[in-house]
Amino acid sequence: MSDDVIAGEIGQRIEAIRLKRNVGQDVVAHEAGISRETYRKIAAGKGTLVNVIAVLRVLGELGRLATLIEEVSSSPLQLARMQGKQRLRAGHARAASANVKSAVKTPIGKPRLIGDRSSKKDTSW
């Protein structure tokens, strides 16, 4: 459907609502704050969005635009992608480094393994 066809369909539906409520064009136009000619343009699909909203408000059908007014929420998957990588658990480097300080370290700063005698060479044999 083209934009003009969609606008015409919206205008026809507004006109059908008005007729169903048995309200005259001049009454709707007056309460919406527009001229009767402007209302006719809306019914023909040629009105502005502001005037369409005013007419729907007068007819008590503003709720038909609710899906356009609602805040668009992102899916959980999209939210996860937007947030980037988050840490899943706390690191344990601080706790481990406190225990390592008391241990004997190798020249490059790593703790020695238990029973590792590489720094003390056995020259007795």
PDB file of N, CA and C in Angstrom:
ATOM      1  N   MET A   1       0.836  -1.182   0.000  1.00  0.00           N
ATOM      2  CA  MET A   1       0.000   0.000   0.000  1.00  0.00           C
ATOM      3  C   MET A   1       0.881   1.246   0.000  1.00  0.00           C
ATOM      4  N   SER A   2       0.506   2.206  -0.783  1.00  0.00           N
ATOM      5  CA  SER A   2       1.251   3.464  -0.822  1.00  0.00           C
ATOM      6  C   SER A   2       0.848   4.343   0.362  1.00  0.00           C
ATOM      7  N   ASP A   3       1.632   5.384   0.589  1.00  0.00           N
ATOM      8  CA  ASP A   3       1.344   6.303   1.691  1.00  0.00           C
ATOM      9  C   ASP A   3      -0.011   6.982   1.510  1.00  0.00           C
ATOM     10  N   ASP A   4      -0.325   7.359   0.275  1.00  0.00           N
ATOM     11  CA  ASP A   4      -1.614   8.023   0.008  1.00  0.00           C
ATOM     12  C   ASP A   4      -2.788   7.089   0.280  1.00  0.00           C
ATOM     13  N   VAL A   5      -2.634   5.825  -0.057  1.00  0.00           N
ATOM     14  CA  VAL A   5      -3.709   4.851   0.179  1.00  0.00           C
ATOM     15  C   VAL A   5      -3.907   4.653   1.686  1.00  0.00           C
ATOM     16  N   ILE A   6      -2.800   4.566   2.421  1.00  0.00           N
ATOM     17  CA  ILE A   6      -2.900   4.409   3.880  1.00  0.00           C
ATOM     18  C   ILE A   6      -3.561   5.633   4.507  1.00  0.00           C
ATOM     19  N   ALA A   7      -3.150   6.833   4.062  1.00  0.00           N
ATOM     20  CA  ALA A   7      -3.756   8.074   4.584  1.00  0.00           C
ATOM     21  C   ALA A   7      -5.244   8.123   4.271  1.00  0.00           C
ATOM     22  N   GLY A   8      -5.633   7.705   3.074  1.00  0.00           N
ATOM     23  CA  GLY A   8      -7.051   7.669   2.708  1.00  0.00           C
ATOM     24  C   GLY A   8      -7.833   6.701   3.569  1.00  0.00           C
ATOM     25  N   GLU A   9      -7.227   5.562   3.862  1.00  0.00           N
ATOM     26  CA  GLU A   9      -7.880   4.559   4.718  1.00  0.00           C
ATOM     27  C   GLU A   9      -8.081   5.100   6.134  1.00  0.00           C
ATOM     28  N   ILE A  10      -7.075   5.789   6.654  1.00  0.00           N
ATOM     29  CA  ILE A  10      -7.205   6.390   7.986  1.00  0.00           C
ATOM     30  C   ILE A  10      -8.323   7.424   7.992  1.00  0.00           C
ATOM     31  N   GLY A  11      -8.368   8.260   6.956  1.00  0.00           N
ATOM     32  CA  GLY A  11      -9.431   9.265   6.844  1.00  0.00           C
ATOM     33  C   GLY A  11     -10.805   8.626   6.798  1.00  0.00           C
ATOM     34  N   GLN A  12     -10.947   7.541   6.048  1.00  0.00           N
ATOM     35  CA  GLN A  12     -12.242   6.837   5.966  1.00  0.00           C
ATOM     36  C   GLN A  12     -12.640   6.257   7.318  1.00  0.00           C
ATOM     37  N   ARG A  13     -11.685   5.733   8.026  1.00  0.00           N
ATOM     38  CA  ARG A  13     -12.009   5.174   9.346  1.00  0.00           C
ATOM     39  C   ARG A  13     -12.419   6.265  10.332  1.00  0.00           C
ATOM     40  N   ILE A  14     -11.748   7.415  10.266  1.00  0.00           N
ATOM     41  CA  ILE A  14     -12.151   8.531  11.123  1.00  0.00           C
ATOM     42  C   ILE A  14     -13.573   8.962  10.801  1.00  0.00           C
ATOM     43  N   GLU A  15     -13.872   9.047   9.519  1.00  0.00           N
ATOM     44  CA  GLU A  15     -15.231   9.424   9.094  1.00  0.00           C
ATOM     45  C   GLU A  15     -16.252   8.387   9.556  1.00  0.00           C
ATOM     46  N   ALA A  16     -15.912   7.100   9.492  1.00  0.00           N
ATOM     47  CA  ALA A  16     -16.819   6.042   9.944  1.00  0.00           C
ATOM     48  C   ALA A  16     -17.077   6.144  11.453  1.00  0.00           C
ATOM     49  N   ILE A  17     -16.038   6.471  12.201  1.00  0.00           N
ATOM     50  CA  ILE A  17     -16.198   6.644  13.653  1.00  0.00           C
ATOM     51  C   ILE A  17     -17.133   7.808  13.933  1.00  0.00           C
ATOM     52  N   ARG A  18     -16.952   8.910  13.198  1.00  0.00           N
ATOM     53  CA  ARG A  18     -17.796  10.093  13.393  1.00  0.00           C
ATOM     54  C   ARG A  18     -19.256   9.754  13.108  1.00  0.00           C
ATOM     55  N   LEU A  19     -19.503   9.043  12.010  1.00  0.00           N
ATOM     56  CA  LEU A  19     -20.875   8.668  11.659  1.00  0.00           C
ATOM     57  C   LEU A  19     -21.466   7.703  12.684  1.00  0.00           C
ATOM     58  N   LYS A  20     -20.647   6.781  13.182  1.00  0.00           N
ATOM     59  CA  LYS A  20     -21.121   5.827  14.188  1.00  0.00           C
ATOM     60  C   LYS A  20     -21.542   6.553  15.462  1.00  0.00           C
ATOM     61  N   ARG A  21     -20.831   7.610  15.812  1.00  0.00           N
ATOM     62  CA  ARG A  21     -21.157   8.393  17.004  1.00  0.00           C
ATOM     63  C   ARG A  21     -22.280   9.398  16.737  1.00  0.00           C
ATOM     64  N   ASN A  22     -22.658   9.542  15.469  1.00  0.00           N
ATOM     65  CA  ASN A  22     -23.733  10.440  15.058  1.00  0.00           C
ATOM     66  C   ASN A  22     -23.435  11.888  15.445  1.00  0.00           C
ATOM     67  N   VAL A  23     -22.210  12.333  15.079  1.00  0.00           N
ATOM     68  CA  VAL A  23     -21.771  13.689  15.368  1.00  0.00           C
ATOM     69  C   VAL A  23     -21.518  14.374  14.030  1.00  0.00           C
ATOM     70  N   GLY A  24     -21.941  15.608  13.908  1.00  0.00           N
ATOM     71  CA  GLY A  24     -21.760  16.348  12.663  1.00  0.00           C
ATOM     72  C   GLY A  24     -20.313  16.783  12.448  1.00  0.00           C
ATOM     73  N   GLN A  25     -19.953  16.997  11.180  1.00  0.00           N
ATOM     74  CA  GLN A  25     -18.605  17.444  10.845  1.00  0.00           C
ATOM     75  C   GLN A  25     -18.279  18.777  11.498  1.00  0.00           C
ATOM     76  N   ASP A  26     -19.247  19.683  11.489  1.00  0.00           N
ATOM     77  CA  ASP A  26     -19.002  20.997  12.063  1.00  0.00           C
ATOM     78  C   ASP A  26     -18.768  20.935  13.561  1.00  0.00           C
ATOM     79  N   VAL A  27     -19.435  20.012  14.257  1.00  0.00           N
ATOM     80  CA  VAL A  27     -19.248  19.859  15.709  1.00  0.00           C
ATOM     81  C   VAL A  27     -17.848  19.315  16.003  1.00  0.00           C
ATOM     82  N   VAL A  28     -17.446  18.290  15.271  1.00  0.00           N
ATOM     83  CA  VAL A  28     -16.112  17.704  15.473  1.00  0.00           C
ATOM     84  C   VAL A  28     -15.041  18.744  15.168  1.00  0.00           C
ATOM     85  N   ALA A  29     -15.213  19.454  14.050  1.00  0.00           N
ATOM     86  CA  ALA A  29     -14.236  20.466  13.658  1.00  0.00           C
ATOM     87  C   ALA A  29     -14.129  21.570  14.705  1.00  0.00           C
ATOM     88  N   HIS A  30     -15.260  22.047  15.196  1.00  0.00           N
ATOM     89  CA  HIS A  30     -15.258  23.107  16.196  1.00  0.00           C
ATOM     90  C   HIS A  30     -14.550  22.669  17.477  1.00  0.00           C
ATOM     91  N   GLU A  31     -14.876  21.463  17.975  1.00  0.00           N
ATOM     92  CA  GLU A  31     -14.274  20.972  19.216  1.00  0.00           C
ATOM     93  C   GLU A  31     -12.794  20.655  19.046  1.00  0.00           C
ATOM     94  N   ALA A  32     -12.393  20.312  17.833  1.00  0.00           N
ATOM     95  CA  ALA A  32     -10.980  20.033  17.578  1.00  0.00           C
ATOM     96  C   ALA A  32     -10.186  21.304  17.319  1.00  0.00           C
ATOM     97  N   GLY A  33     -10.894  22.413  17.143  1.00  0.00           N
ATOM     98  CA  GLY A  33     -10.218  23.672  16.902  1.00  0.00           C
ATOM     99  C   GLY A  33      -9.744  23.839  15.472  1.00  0.00           C
ATOM    100  N   ILE A  34     -10.439  23.194  14.540  1.00  0.00           N
ATOM    101  CA  ILE A  34     -10.086  23.288  13.122  1.00  0.00           C
ATOM    102  C   ILE A  34     -11.331  23.696  12.339  1.00  0.00           C
ATOM    103  N   SER A  35     -11.146  24.053  11.080  1.00  0.00           N
ATOM    104  CA  SER A  35     -12.296  24.422  10.248  1.00  0.00           C
ATOM    105  C   SER A  35     -12.964  23.154   9.709  1.00  0.00           C
ATOM    106  N   ARG A  36     -14.171  23.338   9.214  1.00  0.00           N
ATOM    107  CA  ARG A  36     -14.900  22.211   8.637  1.00  0.00           C
ATOM    108  C   ARG A  36     -14.177  21.701   7.386  1.00  0.00           C
ATOM    109  N   GLU A  37     -13.598  22.614   6.630  1.00  0.00           N
ATOM    110  CA  GLU A  37     -12.841  22.227   5.431  1.00  0.00           C
ATOM    111  C   GLU A  37     -11.613  21.395   5.809  1.00  0.00           C
ATOM    112  N   THR A  38     -10.949  21.755   6.897  1.00  0.00           N
ATOM    113  CA  THR A  38      -9.795  20.976   7.368  1.00  0.00           C
ATOM    114  C   THR A  38     -10.236  19.572   7.768  1.00  0.00           C
ATOM    115  N   TYR A  39     -11.405  19.486   8.416  1.00  0.00           N
ATOM    116  CA  TYR A  39     -11.909  18.161   8.769  1.00  0.00           C
ATOM    117  C   TYR A  39     -12.165  17.336   7.510  1.00  0.00           C
ATOM    118  N   ARG A  40     -12.712  17.947   6.491  1.00  0.00           N
ATOM    119  CA  ARG A  40     -12.981  17.235   5.239  1.00  0.00           C
ATOM    120  C   ARG A  40     -11.683  16.725   4.614  1.00  0.00           C
ATOM    121  N   LYS A  41     -10.618  17.522   4.729  1.00  0.00           N
ATOM    122  CA  LYS A  41      -9.317  17.082   4.216  1.00  0.00           C
ATOM    123  C   LYS A  41      -8.807  15.870   4.994  1.00  0.00           C
ATOM    124  N   ILE A  42      -9.019  15.895   6.315  1.00  0.00           N
ATOM    125  CA  ILE A  42      -8.615  14.754   7.141  1.00  0.00           C
ATOM    126  C   ILE A  42      -9.374  13.507   6.712  1.00  0.00           C
ATOM    127  N   ALA A  43     -10.671  13.649   6.504  1.00  0.00           N
ATOM    128  CA  ALA A  43     -11.502  12.511   6.091  1.00  0.00           C
ATOM    129  C   ALA A  43     -11.089  11.996   4.719  1.00  0.00           C
ATOM    130  N   ALA A  44     -10.491  12.876   3.903  1.00  0.00           N
ATOM    131  CA  ALA A  44     -10.019  12.471   2.575  1.00  0.00           C
ATOM    132  C   ALA A  44      -8.571  11.962   2.617  1.00  0.00           C
ATOM    133  N   GLY A  45      -7.956  11.973   3.808  1.00  0.00           N
ATOM    134  CA  GLY A  45      -6.588  11.483   3.941  1.00  0.00           C
ATOM    135  C   GLY A  45      -5.535  12.523   3.641  1.00  0.00           C
ATOM    136  N   LYS A  46      -5.905  13.801   3.724  1.00  0.00           N
ATOM    137  CA  LYS A  46      -4.971  14.882   3.395  1.00  0.00           C
ATOM    138  C   LYS A  46      -4.616  15.753   4.594  1.00  0.00           C
ATOM    139  N   GLY A  47      -4.987  15.374   5.792  1.00  0.00           N
ATOM    140  CA  GLY A  47      -4.761  16.218   6.966  1.00  0.00           C
ATOM    141  C   GLY A  47      -3.386  16.041   7.572  1.00  0.00           C
ATOM    142  N   THR A  48      -3.048  16.978   8.449  1.00  0.00           N
ATOM    143  CA  THR A  48      -1.783  16.874   9.173  1.00  0.00           C
ATOM    144  C   THR A  48      -1.966  15.990  10.401  1.00  0.00           C
ATOM    145  N   LEU A  49      -0.863  15.487  10.900  1.00  0.00           N
ATOM    146  CA  LEU A  49      -0.918  14.586  12.048  1.00  0.00           C
ATOM    147  C   LEU A  49      -1.485  15.280  13.284  1.00  0.00           C
ATOM    148  N   VAL A  50      -1.134  16.525  13.480  1.00  0.00           N
ATOM    149  CA  VAL A  50      -1.638  17.270  14.647  1.00  0.00           C
ATOM    150  C   VAL A  50      -3.158  17.375  14.592  1.00  0.00           C
ATOM    151  N   ASN A  51      -3.698  17.648  13.418  1.00  0.00           N
ATOM    152  CA  ASN A  51      -5.151  17.757  13.283  1.00  0.00           C
ATOM    153  C   ASN A  51      -5.831  16.400  13.421  1.00  0.00           C
ATOM    154  N   VAL A  52      -5.208  15.356  12.920  1.00  0.00           N
ATOM    155  CA  VAL A  52      -5.767  14.004  13.086  1.00  0.00           C
ATOM    156  C   VAL A  52      -5.833  13.651  14.562  1.00  0.00           C
ATOM    157  N   ILE A  53      -4.782  13.976  15.312  1.00  0.00           N
ATOM    158  CA  ILE A  53      -4.778  13.711  16.754  1.00  0.00           C
ATOM    159  C   ILE A  53      -5.894  14.490  17.445  1.00  0.00           C
ATOM    160  N   ALA A  54      -6.086  15.750  17.064  1.00  0.00           N
ATOM    161  CA  ALA A  54      -7.150  16.567  17.665  1.00  0.00           C
ATOM    162  C   ALA A  54      -8.522  15.968  17.383  1.00  0.00           C
ATOM    163  N   VAL A  55      -8.754  15.502  16.158  1.00  0.00           N
ATOM    164  CA  VAL A  55     -10.045  14.904  15.801  1.00  0.00           C
ATOM    165  C   VAL A  55     -10.246  13.602  16.563  1.00  0.00           C
ATOM    166  N   LEU A  56      -9.209  12.763  16.653  1.00  0.00           N
ATOM    167  CA  LEU A  56      -9.337  11.503  17.400  1.00  0.00           C
ATOM    168  C   LEU A  56      -9.616  11.767  18.875  1.00  0.00           C
ATOM    169  N   ARG A  57      -9.032  12.814  19.408  1.00  0.00           N
ATOM    170  CA  ARG A  57      -9.283  13.173  20.813  1.00  0.00           C
ATOM    171  C   ARG A  57     -10.756  13.558  21.005  1.00  0.00           C
ATOM    172  N   VAL A  58     -11.294  14.362  20.086  1.00  0.00           N
ATOM    173  CA  VAL A  58     -12.699  14.779  20.171  1.00  0.00           C
ATOM    174  C   VAL A  58     -13.619  13.568  20.063  1.00  0.00           C
ATOM    175  N   LEU A  59     -13.292  12.637  19.191  1.00  0.00           N
ATOM    176  CA  LEU A  59     -14.128  11.451  18.999  1.00  0.00           C
ATOM    177  C   LEU A  59     -13.922  10.398  20.090  1.00  0.00           C
ATOM    178  N   GLY A  60     -12.991  10.651  20.998  1.00  0.00           N
ATOM    179  CA  GLY A  60     -12.742   9.693  22.080  1.00  0.00           C
ATOM    180  C   GLY A  60     -11.995   8.467  21.617  1.00  0.00           C
ATOM    181  N   GLU A  61     -11.229   8.589  20.548  1.00  0.00           N
ATOM    182  CA  GLU A  61     -10.525   7.451  19.974  1.00  0.00           C
ATOM    183  C   GLU A  61      -9.008   7.649  19.960  1.00  0.00           C
ATOM    184  N   LEU A  62      -8.510   8.470  20.853  1.00  0.00           N
ATOM    185  CA  LEU A  62      -7.071   8.712  20.907  1.00  0.00           C
ATOM    186  C   LEU A  62      -6.303   7.443  21.264  1.00  0.00           C
ATOM    187  N   GLY A  63      -6.966   6.535  21.933  1.00  0.00           N
ATOM    188  CA  GLY A  63      -6.341   5.265  22.296  1.00  0.00           C
ATOM    189  C   GLY A  63      -5.895   4.447  21.097  1.00  0.00           C
ATOM    190  N   ARG A  64      -6.460   4.730  19.929  1.00  0.00           N
ATOM    191  CA  ARG A  64      -6.045   4.014  18.716  1.00  0.00           C
ATOM    192  C   ARG A  64      -4.597   4.312  18.356  1.00  0.00           C
ATOM    193  N   LEU A  65      -4.062   5.396  18.861  1.00  0.00           N
ATOM    194  CA  LEU A  65      -2.669   5.744  18.613  1.00  0.00           C
ATOM    195  C   LEU A  65      -1.742   5.243  19.719  1.00  0.00           C
ATOM    196  N   ALA A  66      -2.271   4.494  20.666  1.00  0.00           N
ATOM    197  CA  ALA A  66      -1.499   4.066  21.832  1.00  0.00           C
ATOM    198  C   ALA A  66      -0.245   3.301  21.450  1.00  0.00           C
ATOM    199  N   THR A  67      -0.314   2.488  20.429  1.00  0.00           N
ATOM    200  CA  THR A  67       0.872   1.712  20.046  1.00  0.00           C
ATOM    201  C   THR A  67       1.970   2.600  19.493  1.00  0.00           C
ATOM    202  N   LEU A  68       1.598   3.763  18.974  1.00  0.00           N
ATOM    203  CA  LEU A  68       2.618   4.693  18.488  1.00  0.00           C
ATOM    204  C   LEU A  68       3.190   5.545  19.606  1.00  0.00           C
ATOM    205  N   ILE A  69       2.427   5.706  20.684  1.00  0.00           N
ATOM    206  CA  ILE A  69       2.839   6.555  21.797  1.00  0.00           C
ATOM    207  C   ILE A  69       3.697   5.783  22.790  1.00  0.00           C
ATOM    208  N   GLU A  70       3.477   4.472  22.899  1.00  0.00           N
ATOM    209  CA  GLU A  70       4.204   3.663  23.868  1.00  0.00           C
ATOM    210  C   GLU A  70       5.699   3.718  23.603  1.00  0.00           C
ATOM    211  N   GLU A  71       6.451   3.633  24.690  1.00  0.00           N
ATOM    212  CA  GLU A  71       7.903   3.618  24.568  1.00  0.00           C
ATOM    213  C   GLU A  71       8.324   2.282  23.966  1.00  0.00           C
ATOM    214  N   VAL A  72       9.207   2.356  23.022  1.00  0.00           N
ATOM    215  CA  VAL A  72       9.700   1.149  22.366  1.00  0.00           C
ATOM    216  C   VAL A  72      10.779   0.555  23.251  1.00  0.00           C
ATOM    217  N   SER A  73      10.556  -0.679  23.687  1.00  0.00           N
ATOM    218  CA  SER A  73      11.538  -1.329  24.543  1.00  0.00           C
ATOM    219  C   SER A  73      12.386  -2.288  23.729  1.00  0.00           C
ATOM    220  N   SER A  74      13.612  -2.434  24.140  1.00  0.00           N
ATOM    221  CA  SER A  74      14.527  -3.335  23.460  1.00  0.00           C
ATOM    222  C   SER A  74      14.359  -4.738  24.015  1.00  0.00           C
ATOM    223  N   SER A  75      14.662  -5.699  23.190  1.00  0.00           N
ATOM    224  CA  SER A  75      14.606  -7.076  23.653  1.00  0.00           C
ATOM    225  C   SER A  75      15.788  -7.328  24.587  1.00  0.00           C
ATOM    226  N   PRO A  76      15.718  -8.333  25.446  1.00  0.00           N
ATOM    227  CA  PRO A  76      16.840  -8.633  26.344  1.00  0.00           C
ATOM    228  C   PRO A  76      18.132  -8.912  25.581  1.00  0.00           C
ATOM    229  N   LEU A  77      18.015  -9.510  24.418  1.00  0.00           N
ATOM    230  CA  LEU A  77      19.202  -9.800  23.616  1.00  0.00           C
ATOM    231  C   LEU A  77      19.846  -8.505  23.120  1.00  0.00           C
ATOM    232  N   GLN A  78      19.015  -7.549  22.680  1.00  0.00           N
ATOM    233  CA  GLN A  78      19.552  -6.266  22.241  1.00  0.00           C
ATOM    234  C   GLN A  78      20.185  -5.515  23.395  1.00  0.00           C
ATOM    235  N   LEU A  79      19.581  -5.564  24.571  1.00  0.00           N
ATOM    236  CA  LEU A  79      20.150  -4.899  25.741  1.00  0.00           C
ATOM    237  C   LEU A  79      21.508  -5.484  26.087  1.00  0.00           C
ATOM    238  N   ALA A  80      21.625  -6.797  26.009  1.00  0.00           N
ATOM    239  CA  ALA A  80      22.898  -7.450  26.308  1.00  0.00           C
ATOM    240  C   ALA A  80      23.969  -7.029  25.310  1.00  0.00           C
ATOM    241  N   ARG A  81      23.608  -6.913  24.053  1.00  0.00           N
ATOM    242  CA  ARG A  81      24.580  -6.489  23.037  1.00  0.00           C
ATOM    243  C   ARG A  81      25.010  -5.045  23.247  1.00  0.00           C
ATOM    244  N   MET A  82      24.082  -4.188  23.661  1.00  0.00           N
ATOM    245  CA  MET A  82      24.396  -2.776  23.861  1.00  0.00           C
ATOM    246  C   MET A  82      25.288  -2.560  25.080  1.00  0.00           C
ATOM    247  N   GLN A  83      25.152  -3.378  26.093  1.00  0.00           N
ATOM    248  CA  GLN A  83      25.916  -3.196  27.312  1.00  0.00           C
ATOM    249  C   GLN A  83      27.357  -3.662  27.163  1.00  0.00           C
ATOM    250  N   GLY A  84      27.624  -4.478  26.184  1.00  0.00           N
ATOM    251  CA  GLY A  84      28.979  -4.966  26.001  1.00  0.00           C
ATOM    252  C   GLY A  84      29.290  -6.072  26.977  1.00  0.00           C
ATOM    253  N   LYS A  85      30.575  -6.317  27.137  1.00  0.00           N
ATOM    254  CA  LYS A  85      30.989  -7.403  28.020  1.00  0.00           C
ATOM    255  C   LYS A  85      30.993  -6.923  29.463  1.00  0.00           C
ATOM    256  N   GLN A  86      30.295  -7.645  30.284  1.00  0.00           N
ATOM    257  CA  GLN A  86      30.278  -7.345  31.705  1.00  0.00           C
ATOM    258  C   GLN A  86      30.922  -8.511  32.437  1.00  0.00           C
ATOM    259  N   ARG A  87      31.510  -8.192  33.558  1.00  0.00           N
ATOM    260  CA  ARG A  87      32.128  -9.249  34.348  1.00  0.00           C
ATOM    261  C   ARG A  87      31.038 -10.130  34.938  1.00  0.00           C
ATOM    262  N   LEU A  88      31.279 -11.406  34.891  1.00  0.00           N
ATOM    263  CA  LEU A  88      30.317 -12.357  35.432  1.00  0.00           C
ATOM    264  C   LEU A  88      30.618 -12.705  36.887  1.00  0.00           C
ATOM    265  N   ARG A  89      31.890 -12.609  37.281  1.00  0.00           N
ATOM    266  CA  ARG A  89      32.232 -12.873  38.672  1.00  0.00           C
ATOM    267  C   ARG A  89      33.454 -12.048  39.058  1.00  0.00           C
ATOM    268  N   ALA A  90      33.621 -11.914  40.338  1.00  0.00           N
ATOM    269  CA  ALA A  90      34.730 -11.108  40.839  1.00  0.00           C
ATOM    270  C   ALA A  90      36.039 -11.858  40.667  1.00  0.00           C
ATOM    271  N   GLY A  91      37.086 -11.110  40.464  1.00  0.00           N
ATOM    272  CA  GLY A  91      38.404 -11.733  40.335  1.00  0.00           C
ATOM    273  C   GLY A  91      38.940 -12.137  41.690  1.00  0.00           C
ATOM    274  N   HIS A  92      39.858 -13.049  41.693  1.00  0.00           N
ATOM    275  CA  HIS A  92      40.437 -13.510  42.945  1.00  0.00           C
ATOM    276  C   HIS A  92      41.909 -13.137  43.041  1.00  0.00           C
ATOM    277  N   ALA A  93      42.390 -12.257  42.217  1.00  0.00           N
ATOM    278  CA  ALA A  93      43.802 -11.887  42.188  1.00  0.00           C
ATOM    279  C   ALA A  93      44.232 -11.237  43.501  1.00  0.00           C
ATOM    280  N   ARG A  94      43.411 -10.422  44.087  1.00  0.00           N
ATOM    281  CA  ARG A  94      43.787  -9.745  45.335  1.00  0.00           C
ATOM    282  C   ARG A  94      43.939 -10.731  46.484  1.00  0.00           C
ATOM    283  N   ALA A  95      42.999 -11.627  46.600  1.00  0.00           N
ATOM    284  CA  ALA A  95      43.057 -12.598  47.691  1.00  0.00           C
ATOM    285  C   ALA A  95      44.253 -13.519  47.512  1.00  0.00           C
ATOM    286  N   ALA A  96      44.529 -13.922  46.302  1.00  0.00           N
ATOM    287  CA  ALA A  96      45.643 -14.818  46.046  1.00  0.00           C
ATOM    288  C   ALA A  96      46.967 -14.100  46.267  1.00  0.00           C
ATOM    289  N   SER A  97      47.048 -12.829  45.895  1.00  0.00           N
ATOM    290  CA  SER A  97      48.302 -12.101  46.053  1.00  0.00           C
ATOM    291  C   SER A  97      48.643 -11.889  47.528  1.00  0.00           C
ATOM    292  N   ALA A  98      47.668 -11.806  48.397  1.00  0.00           N
ATOM    293  CA  ALA A  98      47.925 -11.658  49.826  1.00  0.00           C
ATOM    294  C   ALA A  98      48.591 -12.911  50.365  1.00  0.00           C
ATOM    295  N   ASN A  99      48.184 -14.080  49.893  1.00  0.00           N
ATOM    296  CA  ASN A  99      48.770 -15.332  50.333  1.00  0.00           C
ATOM    297  C   ASN A  99      50.152 -15.528  49.728  1.00  0.00           C
ATOM    298  N   VAL A 100      50.382 -15.048  48.546  1.00  0.00           N
ATOM    299  CA  VAL A 100      51.648 -15.241  47.852  1.00  0.00           C
ATOM    300  C   VAL A 100      52.747 -14.409  48.479  1.00  0.00           C
ATOM    301  N   LYS A 101      52.406 -13.273  49.060  1.00  0.00           N
ATOM    302  CA  LYS A 101      53.407 -12.390  49.646  1.00  0.00           C
ATOM    303  C   LYS A 101      54.217 -13.100  50.720  1.00  0.00           C
ATOM    304  N   SER A 102      53.572 -13.975  51.453  1.00  0.00           N
ATOM    305  CA  SER A 102      54.285 -14.671  52.517  1.00  0.00           C
ATOM    306  C   SER A 102      55.134 -15.819  51.990  1.00  0.00           C
ATOM    307  N   ALA A 103      54.870 -16.269  50.760  1.00  0.00           N
ATOM    308  CA  ALA A 103      55.627 -17.380  50.191  1.00  0.00           C
ATOM    309  C   ALA A 103      56.943 -16.870  49.623  1.00  0.00           C
ATOM    310  N   VAL A 104      57.917 -17.788  49.509  1.00  0.00           N
ATOM    311  CA  VAL A 104      59.194 -17.452  48.907  1.00  0.00           C
ATOM    312  C   VAL A 104      58.990 -17.353  47.411  1.00  0.00           C
ATOM    313  N   LYS A 105      59.576 -16.333  46.790  1.00  0.00           N
ATOM    314  CA  LYS A 105      59.358 -16.103  45.373  1.00  0.00           C
ATOM    315  C   LYS A 105      60.604 -16.392  44.574  1.00  0.00           C
ATOM    316  N   THR A 106      60.404 -16.727  43.314  1.00  0.00           N
ATOM    317  CA  THR A 106      61.515 -16.931  42.384  1.00  0.00           C
ATOM    318  C   THR A 106      61.979 -15.563  41.906  1.00  0.00           C
ATOM    319  N   PRO A 107      63.074 -15.490  41.202  1.00  0.00           N
ATOM    320  CA  PRO A 107      63.571 -14.193  40.741  1.00  0.00           C
ATOM    321  C   PRO A 107      62.582 -13.429  39.856  1.00  0.00           C
ATOM    322  N   ILE A 108      61.674 -14.102  39.186  1.00  0.00           N
ATOM    323  CA  ILE A 108      60.727 -13.376  38.340  1.00  0.00           C
ATOM    324  C   ILE A 108      59.424 -13.064  39.077  1.00  0.00           C
ATOM    325  N   GLY A 109      59.355 -13.334  40.357  1.00  0.00           N
ATOM    326  CA  GLY A 109      58.218 -12.934  41.153  1.00  0.00           C
ATOM    327  C   GLY A 109      57.130 -13.977  41.294  1.00  0.00           C
ATOM    328  N   LYS A 110      57.386 -15.199  40.794  1.00  0.00           N
ATOM    329  CA  LYS A 110      56.383 -16.253  40.950  1.00  0.00           C
ATOM    330  C   LYS A 110      56.715 -17.089  42.176  1.00  0.00           C
ATOM    331  N   PRO A 111      55.686 -17.577  42.872  1.00  0.00           N
ATOM    332  CA  PRO A 111      55.969 -18.405  44.050  1.00  0.00           C
ATOM    333  C   PRO A 111      56.562 -19.755  43.637  1.00  0.00           C
ATOM    334  N   ARG A 112      57.404 -20.270  44.516  1.00  0.00           N
ATOM    335  CA  ARG A 112      57.980 -21.584  44.259  1.00  0.00           C
ATOM    336  C   ARG A 112      56.994 -22.674  44.600  1.00  0.00           C
ATOM    337  N   LEU A 113      57.114 -23.750  43.903  1.00  0.00           N
ATOM    338  CA  LEU A 113      56.293 -24.910  44.211  1.00  0.00           C
ATOM    339  C   LEU A 113      56.817 -25.577  45.467  1.00  0.00           C
ATOM    340  N   ILE A 114      55.952 -26.276  46.164  1.00  0.00           N
ATOM    341  CA  ILE A 114      56.366 -26.979  47.376  1.00  0.00           C
ATOM    342  C   ILE A 114      57.346 -28.069  46.965  1.00  0.00           C
ATOM    343  N   GLY A 115      58.428 -28.122  47.644  1.00  0.00           N
ATOM    344  CA  GLY A 115      59.430 -29.138  47.357  1.00  0.00           C
ATOM    345  C   GLY A 115      60.349 -28.756  46.210  1.00  0.00           C
ATOM    346  N   ASP A 116      60.180 -27.562  45.640  1.00  0.00           N
ATOM    347  CA  ASP A 116      61.027 -27.116  44.542  1.00  0.00           C
ATOM    348  C   ASP A 116      62.346 -26.645  45.128  1.00  0.00           C
ATOM    349  N   ARG A 117      63.412 -27.296  44.736  1.00  0.00           N
ATOM    350  CA  ARG A 117      64.736 -26.953  45.309  1.00  0.00           C
ATOM    351  C   ARG A 117      65.648 -26.428  44.205  1.00  0.00           C
ATOM    352  N   SER A 118      65.094 -25.872  43.188  1.00  0.00           N
ATOM    353  CA  SER A 118      65.892 -25.425  42.062  1.00  0.00           C
ATOM    354  C   SER A 118      66.825 -24.271  42.422  1.00  0.00           C
ATOM    355  N   SER A 119      66.459 -23.472  43.422  1.00  0.00           N
ATOM    356  CA  SER A 119      67.333 -22.370  43.804  1.00  0.00           C
ATOM    357  C   SER A 119      68.506 -22.838  44.663  1.00  0.00           C
ATOM    358  N   LYS A 120      68.327 -23.924  45.359  1.00  0.00           N
ATOM    359  CA  LYS A 120      69.411 -24.486  46.163  1.00  0.00           C
ATOM    360  C   LYS A 120      69.921 -25.738  45.458  1.00  0.00           C
ATOM    361  N   LYS A 121      71.048 -25.624  44.862  1.00  0.00           N
ATOM    362  CA  LYS A 121      71.600 -26.771  44.138  1.00  0.00           C
ATOM    363  C   LYS A 121      72.272 -27.726  45.113  1.00  0.00           C
ATOM    364  N   ASP A 122      72.037 -28.989  44.850  1.00  0.00           N
ATOM    365  CA  ASP A 122      72.653 -30.020  45.677  1.00  0.00           C
ATOM    366  C   ASP A 122      74.018 -30.380  45.067  1.00  0.00           C
ATOM    367  N   THR A 123      75.056 -29.939  45.685  1.00  0.00           N
ATOM    368  CA  THR A 123      76.409 -30.192  45.173  1.00  0.00           C
ATOM    369  C   THR A 123      77.151 -31.219  46.010  1.00  0.00           C
ATOM    370  N   SER A 124      76.412 -31.875  46.882  1.00  0.00           N
ATOM    371  CA  SER A 124      77.070 -32.798  47.779  1.00  0.00           C
ATOM    372  C   SER A 124      77.521 -34.087  47.112  1.00  0.00           C
ATOM    373  N   TRP A 125      77.147 -34.479  46.073  1.00  0.00           N
ATOM    374  CA  TRP A 125      77.577 -35.739  45.469  1.00  0.00           C
ATOM    375  C   TRP A 125      78.568 -35.537  44.463  1.00  0.00           C
TER     376      TRP A 125
END
